[in-house]
Amino acid sequence: MSHSPEFSRRIPFNRLGSGLEETIEASPTECKALAARFGIPAIESLICRFRLTPSENRSVLAEGHLSARVTQVCVITSEAFDDVLAETFFLKFIPAADMPEDEFDIDSIDLDGPDEVPHDGKAVDIGEAAAEQLALMLDPYPRKPGAGLENAVDVAPAEGEEGAQLSGEGPDGPRRPNPFSALSALKNGGRKE
């Protein structure tokens, strides 16, 4: 890992016993740092419950239930809006030495099994695992509830506007300039149509 996790909760192997249930919650400072990392305006809360079960070869199976309140920016209206996320997920912490050398070797990946997360052999970091899971849950193209394409900015000329000039009037008021009118003028030897 090239950075220091903003939300780290390391569970040493000697605490696991035959299994462990743990609930973690991000502090306001950790939420702010995670929001900056994920490029969103804010994370109001982040809580994750884990059930950890030791398995063979120093691996640990983890079942988690994450809930978070986040603020995102709508891709249609550019307005900030609050959203609630909740999801159950499964992970398998495995020794870093057992991770595949080539991340993109599709033959070495069990597509039906849980995602594999490396550990250092001393502890598993369930805080960073929760943060990574939140990143996967965030919609890359968030839309504010009720925002449809009718709210989007129309950048293409509407029907009948292809040759419109800024000074022209359309049925709904002033028309936008056609972005291709300058090319048309060049094609016609500088004469505007």
N, C-alpha and C. Protein backbone atom coordinates (compact mmCIF):
# COMPACT_ATOMS: atom_id res chain seq x y z
N MET A 1 0.84 -1.17 0.00
CA MET A 1 0.00 0.00 0.00
C MET A 1 0.89 1.24 0.00
N SER A 2 0.65 2.16 -0.89
CA SER A 2 1.53 3.31 -1.04
C SER A 2 1.14 4.48 -0.14
N HIS A 3 -0.01 4.43 0.44
CA HIS A 3 -0.43 5.54 1.31
C HIS A 3 -0.81 5.00 2.68
N SER A 4 -0.89 5.88 3.60
CA SER A 4 -1.30 5.54 4.96
C SER A 4 -2.82 5.59 4.99
N PRO A 5 -3.49 4.52 5.36
CA PRO A 5 -4.96 4.52 5.32
C PRO A 5 -5.56 5.59 6.22
N GLU A 6 -6.57 6.27 5.71
CA GLU A 6 -7.27 7.31 6.47
C GLU A 6 -8.14 6.70 7.58
N PHE A 7 -8.56 5.46 7.38
CA PHE A 7 -9.48 4.79 8.30
C PHE A 7 -8.94 3.39 8.57
N SER A 8 -7.99 3.30 9.48
CA SER A 8 -7.33 2.03 9.75
C SER A 8 -7.81 1.45 11.08
N ARG A 9 -8.23 0.18 11.04
CA ARG A 9 -8.62 -0.55 12.25
C ARG A 9 -8.02 -1.94 12.12
N ARG A 10 -6.82 -2.09 12.66
CA ARG A 10 -6.11 -3.36 12.55
C ARG A 10 -6.53 -4.31 13.67
N ILE A 11 -6.86 -5.53 13.28
CA ILE A 11 -7.24 -6.58 14.23
C ILE A 11 -6.11 -7.62 14.23
N PRO A 12 -5.34 -7.71 15.33
CA PRO A 12 -4.25 -8.70 15.38
C PRO A 12 -4.81 -10.13 15.35
N PHE A 13 -4.03 -11.04 14.78
CA PHE A 13 -4.47 -12.44 14.68
C PHE A 13 -4.76 -13.04 16.05
N ASN A 14 -4.01 -12.64 17.09
CA ASN A 14 -4.23 -13.25 18.41
C ASN A 14 -5.57 -12.84 19.03
N ARG A 15 -6.24 -11.83 18.48
CA ARG A 15 -7.59 -11.45 18.95
C ARG A 15 -8.69 -12.24 18.26
N LEU A 16 -8.37 -12.87 17.14
CA LEU A 16 -9.41 -13.54 16.35
C LEU A 16 -9.98 -14.78 17.04
N GLY A 17 -9.12 -15.56 17.71
CA GLY A 17 -9.59 -16.80 18.32
C GLY A 17 -10.26 -17.67 17.27
N SER A 18 -11.44 -18.19 17.58
CA SER A 18 -12.18 -19.01 16.62
C SER A 18 -13.14 -18.16 15.79
N GLY A 19 -13.18 -16.87 16.07
CA GLY A 19 -14.04 -15.95 15.34
C GLY A 19 -14.27 -14.70 16.15
N LEU A 20 -14.63 -13.62 15.49
CA LEU A 20 -14.77 -12.35 16.17
C LEU A 20 -15.80 -11.50 15.43
N GLU A 21 -16.64 -10.80 16.18
CA GLU A 21 -17.53 -9.81 15.59
C GLU A 21 -17.07 -8.44 16.06
N GLU A 22 -16.97 -7.50 15.13
CA GLU A 22 -16.44 -6.17 15.45
C GLU A 22 -17.22 -5.13 14.66
N THR A 23 -17.59 -4.05 15.33
CA THR A 23 -18.23 -2.91 14.66
C THR A 23 -17.29 -1.74 14.72
N ILE A 24 -17.08 -1.10 13.58
CA ILE A 24 -16.18 0.05 13.51
C ILE A 24 -16.93 1.25 12.96
N GLU A 25 -16.51 2.44 13.39
CA GLU A 25 -17.15 3.68 12.94
C GLU A 25 -16.06 4.72 12.68
N ALA A 26 -16.16 5.40 11.56
CA ALA A 26 -15.19 6.43 11.21
C ALA A 26 -15.48 7.71 11.98
N SER A 27 -14.42 8.35 12.46
CA SER A 27 -14.55 9.63 13.16
C SER A 27 -14.81 10.72 12.13
N PRO A 28 -15.25 11.92 12.57
CA PRO A 28 -15.45 13.02 11.62
C PRO A 28 -14.18 13.35 10.82
N THR A 29 -13.01 13.28 11.47
CA THR A 29 -11.75 13.56 10.77
C THR A 29 -11.48 12.49 9.71
N GLU A 30 -11.73 11.23 10.06
CA GLU A 30 -11.54 10.14 9.10
C GLU A 30 -12.52 10.25 7.94
N CYS A 31 -13.77 10.62 8.23
CA CYS A 31 -14.77 10.81 7.17
C CYS A 31 -14.34 11.91 6.20
N LYS A 32 -13.82 12.99 6.75
CA LYS A 32 -13.37 14.11 5.90
C LYS A 32 -12.21 13.67 5.01
N ALA A 33 -11.26 12.92 5.58
CA ALA A 33 -10.11 12.44 4.80
C ALA A 33 -10.55 11.45 3.71
N LEU A 34 -11.48 10.58 4.03
CA LEU A 34 -11.98 9.63 3.04
C LEU A 34 -12.75 10.34 1.92
N ALA A 35 -13.53 11.36 2.27
CA ALA A 35 -14.25 12.13 1.24
C ALA A 35 -13.26 12.77 0.27
N ALA A 36 -12.17 13.30 0.80
CA ALA A 36 -11.14 13.90 -0.06
C ALA A 36 -10.51 12.81 -0.95
N ARG A 37 -10.24 11.65 -0.38
CA ARG A 37 -9.64 10.55 -1.15
C ARG A 37 -10.56 10.11 -2.29
N PHE A 38 -11.87 10.05 -2.04
CA PHE A 38 -12.82 9.57 -3.04
C PHE A 38 -13.34 10.69 -3.95
N GLY A 39 -12.96 11.93 -3.68
CA GLY A 39 -13.37 13.04 -4.54
C GLY A 39 -14.84 13.38 -4.44
N ILE A 40 -15.41 13.25 -3.25
CA ILE A 40 -16.82 13.62 -3.05
C ILE A 40 -16.87 14.73 -2.00
N PRO A 41 -17.96 15.51 -1.97
CA PRO A 41 -18.03 16.64 -1.03
C PRO A 41 -17.95 16.25 0.44
N ALA A 42 -18.60 15.15 0.84
CA ALA A 42 -18.60 14.80 2.27
C ALA A 42 -19.03 13.37 2.50
N ILE A 43 -18.56 12.84 3.63
CA ILE A 43 -19.07 11.58 4.18
C ILE A 43 -19.54 11.94 5.58
N GLU A 44 -20.82 11.84 5.81
CA GLU A 44 -21.40 12.20 7.10
C GLU A 44 -21.15 11.11 8.13
N SER A 45 -21.30 9.84 7.71
CA SER A 45 -21.06 8.73 8.63
C SER A 45 -20.66 7.49 7.85
N LEU A 46 -19.91 6.64 8.52
CA LEU A 46 -19.48 5.36 7.95
C LEU A 46 -19.37 4.36 9.10
N ILE A 47 -20.22 3.34 9.06
CA ILE A 47 -20.24 2.30 10.08
C ILE A 47 -20.20 0.95 9.38
N CYS A 48 -19.39 0.04 9.91
CA CYS A 48 -19.32 -1.28 9.30
C CYS A 48 -19.23 -2.34 10.39
N ARG A 49 -20.09 -3.36 10.28
CA ARG A 49 -20.06 -4.52 11.17
C ARG A 49 -19.36 -5.66 10.44
N PHE A 50 -18.42 -6.29 11.12
CA PHE A 50 -17.69 -7.41 10.54
C PHE A 50 -17.89 -8.66 11.37
N ARG A 51 -17.96 -9.80 10.69
CA ARG A 51 -17.84 -11.11 11.32
C ARG A 51 -16.60 -11.74 10.68
N LEU A 52 -15.57 -11.96 11.49
CA LEU A 52 -14.30 -12.48 11.02
C LEU A 52 -14.15 -13.93 11.46
N THR A 53 -13.78 -14.81 10.52
CA THR A 53 -13.62 -16.23 10.81
C THR A 53 -12.27 -16.70 10.26
N PRO A 54 -11.35 -17.12 11.14
CA PRO A 54 -10.07 -17.65 10.64
C PRO A 54 -10.30 -18.87 9.76
N SER A 55 -9.45 -19.01 8.75
CA SER A 55 -9.56 -20.11 7.81
C SER A 55 -8.17 -20.72 7.61
N GLU A 56 -8.06 -21.64 6.65
CA GLU A 56 -6.78 -22.31 6.41
C GLU A 56 -5.74 -21.35 5.84
N ASN A 57 -4.46 -21.72 6.03
CA ASN A 57 -3.32 -20.97 5.47
C ASN A 57 -3.28 -19.50 5.89
N ARG A 58 -3.58 -19.24 7.14
CA ARG A 58 -3.53 -17.87 7.69
C ARG A 58 -4.44 -16.90 6.94
N SER A 59 -5.52 -17.39 6.38
CA SER A 59 -6.50 -16.52 5.74
C SER A 59 -7.66 -16.29 6.71
N VAL A 60 -8.41 -15.22 6.46
CA VAL A 60 -9.53 -14.86 7.32
C VAL A 60 -10.72 -14.51 6.43
N LEU A 61 -11.82 -15.21 6.64
CA LEU A 61 -13.05 -14.88 5.92
C LEU A 61 -13.75 -13.75 6.66
N ALA A 62 -14.26 -12.78 5.91
CA ALA A 62 -14.91 -11.63 6.51
C ALA A 62 -16.24 -11.37 5.84
N GLU A 63 -17.28 -11.30 6.67
CA GLU A 63 -18.60 -10.87 6.20
C GLU A 63 -18.81 -9.49 6.79
N GLY A 64 -19.14 -8.53 5.96
CA GLY A 64 -19.33 -7.17 6.45
C GLY A 64 -20.67 -6.60 6.03
N HIS A 65 -21.17 -5.71 6.86
CA HIS A 65 -22.36 -4.93 6.50
C HIS A 65 -22.01 -3.47 6.72
N LEU A 66 -21.96 -2.72 5.62
CA LEU A 66 -21.54 -1.32 5.65
C LEU A 66 -22.73 -0.42 5.43
N SER A 67 -22.80 0.66 6.20
CA SER A 67 -23.80 1.71 5.95
C SER A 67 -23.09 3.05 6.05
N ALA A 68 -23.47 3.95 5.15
CA ALA A 68 -22.82 5.26 5.10
C ALA A 68 -23.79 6.31 4.61
N ARG A 69 -23.60 7.53 5.09
CA ARG A 69 -24.32 8.70 4.58
C ARG A 69 -23.28 9.58 3.91
N VAL A 70 -23.49 9.83 2.62
CA VAL A 70 -22.51 10.58 1.83
C VAL A 70 -23.19 11.73 1.09
N THR A 71 -22.39 12.70 0.69
CA THR A 71 -22.85 13.78 -0.18
C THR A 71 -22.11 13.63 -1.50
N GLN A 72 -22.87 13.60 -2.60
CA GLN A 72 -22.29 13.47 -3.92
C GLN A 72 -22.78 14.62 -4.79
N VAL A 73 -22.21 14.76 -5.98
CA VAL A 73 -22.61 15.81 -6.91
C VAL A 73 -23.29 15.16 -8.11
N CYS A 74 -24.50 15.59 -8.39
CA CYS A 74 -25.30 15.04 -9.49
C CYS A 74 -24.63 15.35 -10.83
N VAL A 75 -24.48 14.32 -11.67
CA VAL A 75 -23.86 14.53 -12.98
C VAL A 75 -24.77 15.26 -13.95
N ILE A 76 -26.05 15.35 -13.64
CA ILE A 76 -26.99 16.02 -14.54
C ILE A 76 -27.18 17.47 -14.15
N THR A 77 -27.40 17.74 -12.87
CA THR A 77 -27.71 19.10 -12.43
C THR A 77 -26.53 19.82 -11.78
N SER A 78 -25.45 19.09 -11.47
CA SER A 78 -24.27 19.63 -10.77
C SER A 78 -24.60 20.11 -9.36
N GLU A 79 -25.69 19.62 -8.80
CA GLU A 79 -26.07 19.99 -7.43
C GLU A 79 -25.62 18.89 -6.48
N ALA A 80 -25.19 19.30 -5.28
CA ALA A 80 -24.84 18.33 -4.24
C ALA A 80 -26.13 17.75 -3.66
N PHE A 81 -26.08 16.46 -3.32
CA PHE A 81 -27.24 15.82 -2.70
C PHE A 81 -26.75 14.74 -1.75
N ASP A 82 -27.54 14.46 -0.74
CA ASP A 82 -27.20 13.44 0.25
C ASP A 82 -27.76 12.09 -0.18
N ASP A 83 -27.01 11.04 0.13
CA ASP A 83 -27.42 9.70 -0.23
C ASP A 83 -27.07 8.75 0.92
N VAL A 84 -27.85 7.70 1.07
CA VAL A 84 -27.60 6.68 2.09
C VAL A 84 -27.25 5.39 1.35
N LEU A 85 -26.12 4.79 1.73
CA LEU A 85 -25.67 3.56 1.11
C LEU A 85 -25.65 2.45 2.15
N ALA A 86 -26.03 1.25 1.77
CA ALA A 86 -25.98 0.10 2.68
C ALA A 86 -25.78 -1.15 1.84
N GLU A 87 -24.86 -2.01 2.28
CA GLU A 87 -24.58 -3.21 1.51
C GLU A 87 -23.89 -4.24 2.39
N THR A 88 -24.17 -5.49 2.11
CA THR A 88 -23.46 -6.60 2.73
C THR A 88 -22.43 -7.11 1.72
N PHE A 89 -21.25 -7.47 2.21
CA PHE A 89 -20.19 -7.91 1.31
C PHE A 89 -19.38 -9.02 1.98
N PHE A 90 -18.61 -9.74 1.17
CA PHE A 90 -17.76 -10.83 1.65
C PHE A 90 -16.34 -10.62 1.13
N LEU A 91 -15.35 -10.81 1.99
CA LEU A 91 -13.94 -10.68 1.63
C LEU A 91 -13.18 -11.87 2.19
N LYS A 92 -12.00 -12.08 1.64
CA LYS A 92 -11.10 -13.07 2.20
C LYS A 92 -9.74 -12.40 2.33
N PHE A 93 -9.29 -12.22 3.56
CA PHE A 93 -7.96 -11.69 3.80
C PHE A 93 -6.98 -12.84 3.65
N ILE A 94 -5.96 -12.66 2.80
CA ILE A 94 -4.95 -13.70 2.60
C ILE A 94 -3.57 -13.08 2.77
N PRO A 95 -2.55 -13.92 3.10
CA PRO A 95 -1.19 -13.38 3.23
C PRO A 95 -0.76 -12.70 1.94
N ALA A 96 -0.08 -11.57 2.06
CA ALA A 96 0.37 -10.82 0.88
C ALA A 96 1.21 -11.69 -0.05
N ALA A 97 1.99 -12.61 0.52
CA ALA A 97 2.83 -13.49 -0.30
C ALA A 97 2.00 -14.42 -1.18
N ASP A 98 0.75 -14.68 -0.80
CA ASP A 98 -0.12 -15.57 -1.57
C ASP A 98 -0.92 -14.84 -2.66
N MET A 99 -0.80 -13.53 -2.71
CA MET A 99 -1.51 -12.78 -3.75
C MET A 99 -0.90 -13.10 -5.11
N PRO A 100 -1.72 -13.21 -6.16
CA PRO A 100 -1.18 -13.48 -7.50
C PRO A 100 -0.21 -12.37 -7.92
N GLU A 101 0.87 -12.78 -8.59
CA GLU A 101 1.86 -11.82 -9.08
C GLU A 101 1.24 -10.88 -10.11
N ASP A 102 0.49 -11.47 -11.03
CA ASP A 102 -0.13 -10.70 -12.11
C ASP A 102 -1.60 -10.49 -11.76
N GLU A 103 -1.95 -9.23 -11.43
CA GLU A 103 -3.33 -8.91 -11.04
C GLU A 103 -4.33 -9.24 -12.15
N PHE A 104 -3.86 -9.28 -13.38
CA PHE A 104 -4.76 -9.43 -14.51
C PHE A 104 -4.77 -10.85 -15.07
N ASP A 105 -4.20 -11.80 -14.32
CA ASP A 105 -4.22 -13.19 -14.74
C ASP A 105 -5.59 -13.77 -14.38
N ILE A 106 -6.49 -13.77 -15.32
CA ILE A 106 -7.88 -14.16 -15.09
C ILE A 106 -8.00 -15.61 -14.64
N ASP A 107 -7.04 -16.47 -15.03
CA ASP A 107 -7.10 -17.88 -14.65
C ASP A 107 -6.85 -18.10 -13.16
N SER A 108 -6.16 -17.18 -12.50
CA SER A 108 -5.84 -17.35 -11.08
C SER A 108 -6.91 -16.74 -10.16
N ILE A 109 -7.94 -16.15 -10.74
CA ILE A 109 -8.97 -15.49 -9.95
C ILE A 109 -10.21 -16.37 -9.87
N ASP A 110 -10.71 -16.57 -8.66
CA ASP A 110 -11.96 -17.29 -8.45
C ASP A 110 -13.09 -16.27 -8.57
N LEU A 111 -13.74 -16.25 -9.72
CA LEU A 111 -14.77 -15.24 -9.98
C LEU A 111 -16.01 -15.42 -9.11
N ASP A 112 -16.23 -16.64 -8.60
CA ASP A 112 -17.40 -16.88 -7.75
C ASP A 112 -17.09 -16.69 -6.27
N GLY A 113 -15.81 -16.62 -5.93
CA GLY A 113 -15.41 -16.49 -4.52
C GLY A 113 -15.38 -15.03 -4.08
N PRO A 114 -15.13 -14.83 -2.79
CA PRO A 114 -15.04 -13.45 -2.29
C PRO A 114 -13.78 -12.75 -2.79
N ASP A 115 -13.81 -11.43 -2.83
CA ASP A 115 -12.62 -10.67 -3.19
C ASP A 115 -11.51 -10.96 -2.19
N GLU A 116 -10.27 -11.03 -2.68
CA GLU A 116 -9.14 -11.30 -1.81
C GLU A 116 -8.40 -10.01 -1.50
N VAL A 117 -8.11 -9.82 -0.22
CA VAL A 117 -7.42 -8.63 0.27
C VAL A 117 -6.17 -9.09 0.99
N PRO A 118 -5.00 -8.51 0.68
CA PRO A 118 -3.78 -8.98 1.34
C PRO A 118 -3.67 -8.48 2.78
N HIS A 119 -2.99 -9.30 3.62
CA HIS A 119 -2.64 -8.86 4.97
C HIS A 119 -1.15 -9.12 5.19
N ASP A 120 -0.60 -8.48 6.21
CA ASP A 120 0.85 -8.55 6.45
C ASP A 120 1.29 -9.72 7.32
N GLY A 121 0.37 -10.58 7.70
CA GLY A 121 0.71 -11.73 8.52
C GLY A 121 0.58 -11.47 10.01
N LYS A 122 0.41 -10.21 10.40
CA LYS A 122 0.29 -9.87 11.82
C LYS A 122 -1.13 -9.47 12.19
N ALA A 123 -1.83 -8.82 11.26
CA ALA A 123 -3.17 -8.30 11.53
C ALA A 123 -3.91 -8.10 10.22
N VAL A 124 -5.23 -7.98 10.31
CA VAL A 124 -6.05 -7.62 9.16
C VAL A 124 -6.59 -6.21 9.41
N ASP A 125 -6.59 -5.38 8.38
CA ASP A 125 -7.07 -3.99 8.52
C ASP A 125 -8.50 -3.89 8.01
N ILE A 126 -9.46 -4.03 8.92
CA ILE A 126 -10.86 -4.00 8.52
C ILE A 126 -11.33 -2.58 8.21
N GLY A 127 -10.64 -1.57 8.73
CA GLY A 127 -10.98 -0.18 8.42
C GLY A 127 -10.71 0.14 6.96
N GLU A 128 -9.52 -0.22 6.49
CA GLU A 128 -9.18 0.00 5.08
C GLU A 128 -10.07 -0.85 4.18
N ALA A 129 -10.40 -2.06 4.61
CA ALA A 129 -11.31 -2.91 3.82
C ALA A 129 -12.67 -2.25 3.69
N ALA A 130 -13.17 -1.65 4.78
CA ALA A 130 -14.46 -0.95 4.73
C ALA A 130 -14.37 0.27 3.81
N ALA A 131 -13.27 1.01 3.88
CA ALA A 131 -13.09 2.18 3.02
C ALA A 131 -13.09 1.77 1.54
N GLU A 132 -12.38 0.70 1.23
CA GLU A 132 -12.34 0.23 -0.16
C GLU A 132 -13.72 -0.23 -0.62
N GLN A 133 -14.46 -0.86 0.28
CA GLN A 133 -15.81 -1.30 -0.07
C GLN A 133 -16.72 -0.10 -0.33
N LEU A 134 -16.58 0.95 0.48
CA LEU A 134 -17.36 2.17 0.24
C LEU A 134 -17.03 2.75 -1.12
N ALA A 135 -15.77 2.76 -1.48
CA ALA A 135 -15.37 3.29 -2.80
C ALA A 135 -16.06 2.51 -3.91
N LEU A 136 -16.19 1.19 -3.75
CA LEU A 136 -16.87 0.37 -4.76
C LEU A 136 -18.37 0.64 -4.80
N MET A 137 -18.94 1.04 -3.67
CA MET A 137 -20.38 1.29 -3.59
C MET A 137 -20.77 2.63 -4.20
N LEU A 138 -19.84 3.58 -4.25
CA LEU A 138 -20.16 4.92 -4.77
C LEU A 138 -20.48 4.85 -6.26
N ASP A 139 -21.57 5.45 -6.65
CA ASP A 139 -21.96 5.49 -8.05
C ASP A 139 -21.00 6.42 -8.80
N PRO A 140 -20.35 5.95 -9.86
CA PRO A 140 -19.43 6.83 -10.59
C PRO A 140 -20.16 7.96 -11.33
N TYR A 141 -21.47 7.80 -11.56
CA TYR A 141 -22.27 8.83 -12.21
C TYR A 141 -23.51 9.09 -11.36
N PRO A 142 -23.33 9.71 -10.19
CA PRO A 142 -24.47 9.87 -9.28
C PRO A 142 -25.52 10.82 -9.84
N ARG A 143 -26.78 10.45 -9.61
CA ARG A 143 -27.90 11.31 -10.03
C ARG A 143 -28.76 11.62 -8.83
N LYS A 144 -29.05 12.89 -8.66
CA LYS A 144 -29.93 13.35 -7.60
C LYS A 144 -31.31 12.75 -7.84
N PRO A 145 -31.99 12.29 -6.79
CA PRO A 145 -33.33 11.74 -6.99
C PRO A 145 -34.23 12.75 -7.74
N GLY A 146 -34.88 12.27 -8.77
CA GLY A 146 -35.76 13.12 -9.56
C GLY A 146 -35.08 13.81 -10.73
N ALA A 147 -33.75 13.75 -10.78
CA ALA A 147 -33.03 14.40 -11.88
C ALA A 147 -33.02 13.46 -13.07
N GLY A 148 -33.65 13.88 -14.14
CA GLY A 148 -33.68 13.10 -15.36
C GLY A 148 -32.98 13.85 -16.47
N LEU A 149 -32.92 13.27 -17.62
CA LEU A 149 -32.24 13.93 -18.73
C LEU A 149 -32.94 15.21 -19.17
N GLU A 150 -34.21 15.36 -18.80
CA GLU A 150 -34.89 16.62 -19.13
C GLU A 150 -34.28 17.80 -18.37
N ASN A 151 -33.51 17.52 -17.29
CA ASN A 151 -32.82 18.56 -16.53
C ASN A 151 -31.41 18.81 -17.03
N ALA A 152 -30.95 18.01 -17.99
CA ALA A 152 -29.59 18.14 -18.48
C ALA A 152 -29.44 19.37 -19.37
N VAL A 153 -28.26 19.86 -19.48
CA VAL A 153 -27.97 20.98 -20.35
C VAL A 153 -27.88 20.45 -21.77
N ASP A 154 -28.66 21.03 -22.66
CA ASP A 154 -28.67 20.60 -24.05
C ASP A 154 -27.59 21.36 -24.80
N VAL A 155 -26.56 20.64 -25.26
CA VAL A 155 -25.47 21.30 -25.96
C VAL A 155 -25.58 21.15 -27.46
N ALA A 156 -26.43 20.26 -27.93
CA ALA A 156 -26.62 20.09 -29.36
C ALA A 156 -27.74 21.01 -29.84
N PRO A 157 -27.61 21.55 -31.05
CA PRO A 157 -28.68 22.41 -31.56
C PRO A 157 -29.99 21.62 -31.67
N ALA A 158 -31.08 22.28 -31.30
CA ALA A 158 -32.39 21.66 -31.41
C ALA A 158 -32.79 21.62 -32.88
N GLU A 159 -33.82 20.85 -33.18
CA GLU A 159 -34.28 20.71 -34.55
C GLU A 159 -34.61 22.08 -35.15
N GLY A 160 -34.09 22.33 -36.33
CA GLY A 160 -34.34 23.60 -37.00
C GLY A 160 -33.35 24.69 -36.63
N GLU A 161 -32.43 24.44 -35.70
CA GLU A 161 -31.47 25.46 -35.28
C GLU A 161 -30.13 25.33 -35.97
N GLU A 162 -29.97 24.38 -36.85
CA GLU A 162 -28.66 24.10 -37.41
C GLU A 162 -27.97 25.33 -37.97
N GLY A 163 -28.68 26.22 -38.63
CA GLY A 163 -28.06 27.40 -39.22
C GLY A 163 -28.31 28.66 -38.42
N ALA A 164 -28.79 28.54 -37.21
CA ALA A 164 -29.17 29.72 -36.43
C ALA A 164 -27.95 30.55 -36.03
N GLN A 165 -28.13 31.83 -35.98
CA GLN A 165 -27.11 32.76 -35.49
C GLN A 165 -27.59 33.30 -34.16
N LEU A 166 -26.69 33.84 -33.34
CA LEU A 166 -27.04 34.33 -32.02
C LEU A 166 -28.11 35.41 -32.08
N SER A 167 -28.06 36.25 -33.09
CA SER A 167 -29.01 37.35 -33.17
C SER A 167 -30.38 36.90 -33.66
N GLY A 168 -30.47 35.66 -34.18
CA GLY A 168 -31.75 35.18 -34.70
C GLY A 168 -32.72 34.85 -33.60
N GLU A 169 -33.99 34.86 -33.93
CA GLU A 169 -35.04 34.50 -32.97
C GLU A 169 -35.64 33.17 -33.39
N GLY A 170 -35.86 32.32 -32.42
CA GLY A 170 -36.51 31.04 -32.66
C GLY A 170 -37.89 31.08 -32.05
N PRO A 171 -38.63 30.01 -32.13
CA PRO A 171 -39.97 29.98 -31.57
C PRO A 171 -39.97 30.14 -30.04
N ASP A 172 -38.86 29.79 -29.38
CA ASP A 172 -38.78 29.89 -27.92
C ASP A 172 -37.85 31.02 -27.47
N GLY A 173 -37.57 31.99 -28.31
CA GLY A 173 -36.69 33.09 -27.93
C GLY A 173 -35.41 33.06 -28.74
N PRO A 174 -34.34 33.74 -28.25
CA PRO A 174 -33.08 33.79 -29.01
C PRO A 174 -32.50 32.40 -29.20
N ARG A 175 -31.99 32.17 -30.40
CA ARG A 175 -31.39 30.88 -30.70
C ARG A 175 -29.90 30.92 -30.39
N ARG A 176 -29.37 29.74 -30.13
CA ARG A 176 -27.93 29.62 -29.90
C ARG A 176 -27.20 29.61 -31.22
N PRO A 177 -25.94 30.05 -31.20
CA PRO A 177 -25.18 30.00 -32.45
C PRO A 177 -24.83 28.54 -32.78
N ASN A 178 -24.80 28.28 -34.07
CA ASN A 178 -24.40 26.96 -34.53
C ASN A 178 -22.89 26.88 -34.44
N PRO A 179 -22.34 25.89 -33.74
CA PRO A 179 -20.89 25.83 -33.60
C PRO A 179 -20.18 25.56 -34.93
N PHE A 180 -20.92 25.13 -35.95
CA PHE A 180 -20.31 24.84 -37.25
C PHE A 180 -20.48 25.98 -38.26
N SER A 181 -21.10 27.09 -37.84
CA SER A 181 -21.32 28.19 -38.79
C SER A 181 -20.01 28.79 -39.26
N ALA A 182 -18.98 28.84 -38.43
CA ALA A 182 -17.68 29.38 -38.86
C ALA A 182 -17.07 28.49 -39.92
N LEU A 183 -17.20 27.17 -39.78
CA LEU A 183 -16.69 26.27 -40.80
C LEU A 183 -17.46 26.41 -42.10
N SER A 184 -18.77 26.59 -42.00
CA SER A 184 -19.59 26.79 -43.18
C SER A 184 -19.17 28.05 -43.93
N ALA A 185 -18.87 29.11 -43.15
CA ALA A 185 -18.44 30.36 -43.77
C ALA A 185 -17.11 30.16 -44.51
N LEU A 186 -16.18 29.39 -43.92
CA LEU A 186 -14.90 29.13 -44.59
C LEU A 186 -15.11 28.34 -45.86
N LYS A 187 -16.01 27.38 -45.81
CA LYS A 187 -16.29 26.55 -46.98
C LYS A 187 -16.85 27.38 -48.13
N ASN A 188 -17.62 28.41 -47.80
CA ASN A 188 -18.26 29.25 -48.80
C ASN A 188 -17.45 30.50 -49.11
N GLY A 189 -16.15 30.46 -48.86
CA GLY A 189 -15.29 31.59 -49.18
C GLY A 189 -15.51 32.78 -48.29
N GLY A 190 -15.90 32.60 -47.07
CA GLY A 190 -16.09 33.70 -46.13
C GLY A 190 -17.50 34.25 -46.10
N ARG A 191 -18.39 33.77 -47.01
CA ARG A 191 -19.77 34.26 -47.01
C ARG A 191 -20.58 33.47 -46.01
N LYS A 192 -21.36 34.16 -45.21
CA LYS A 192 -22.25 33.48 -44.28
C LYS A 192 -23.55 33.17 -44.97
N GLU A 193 -24.09 32.03 -44.64
CA GLU A 193 -25.37 31.64 -45.25
C GLU A 193 -26.51 32.14 -44.44
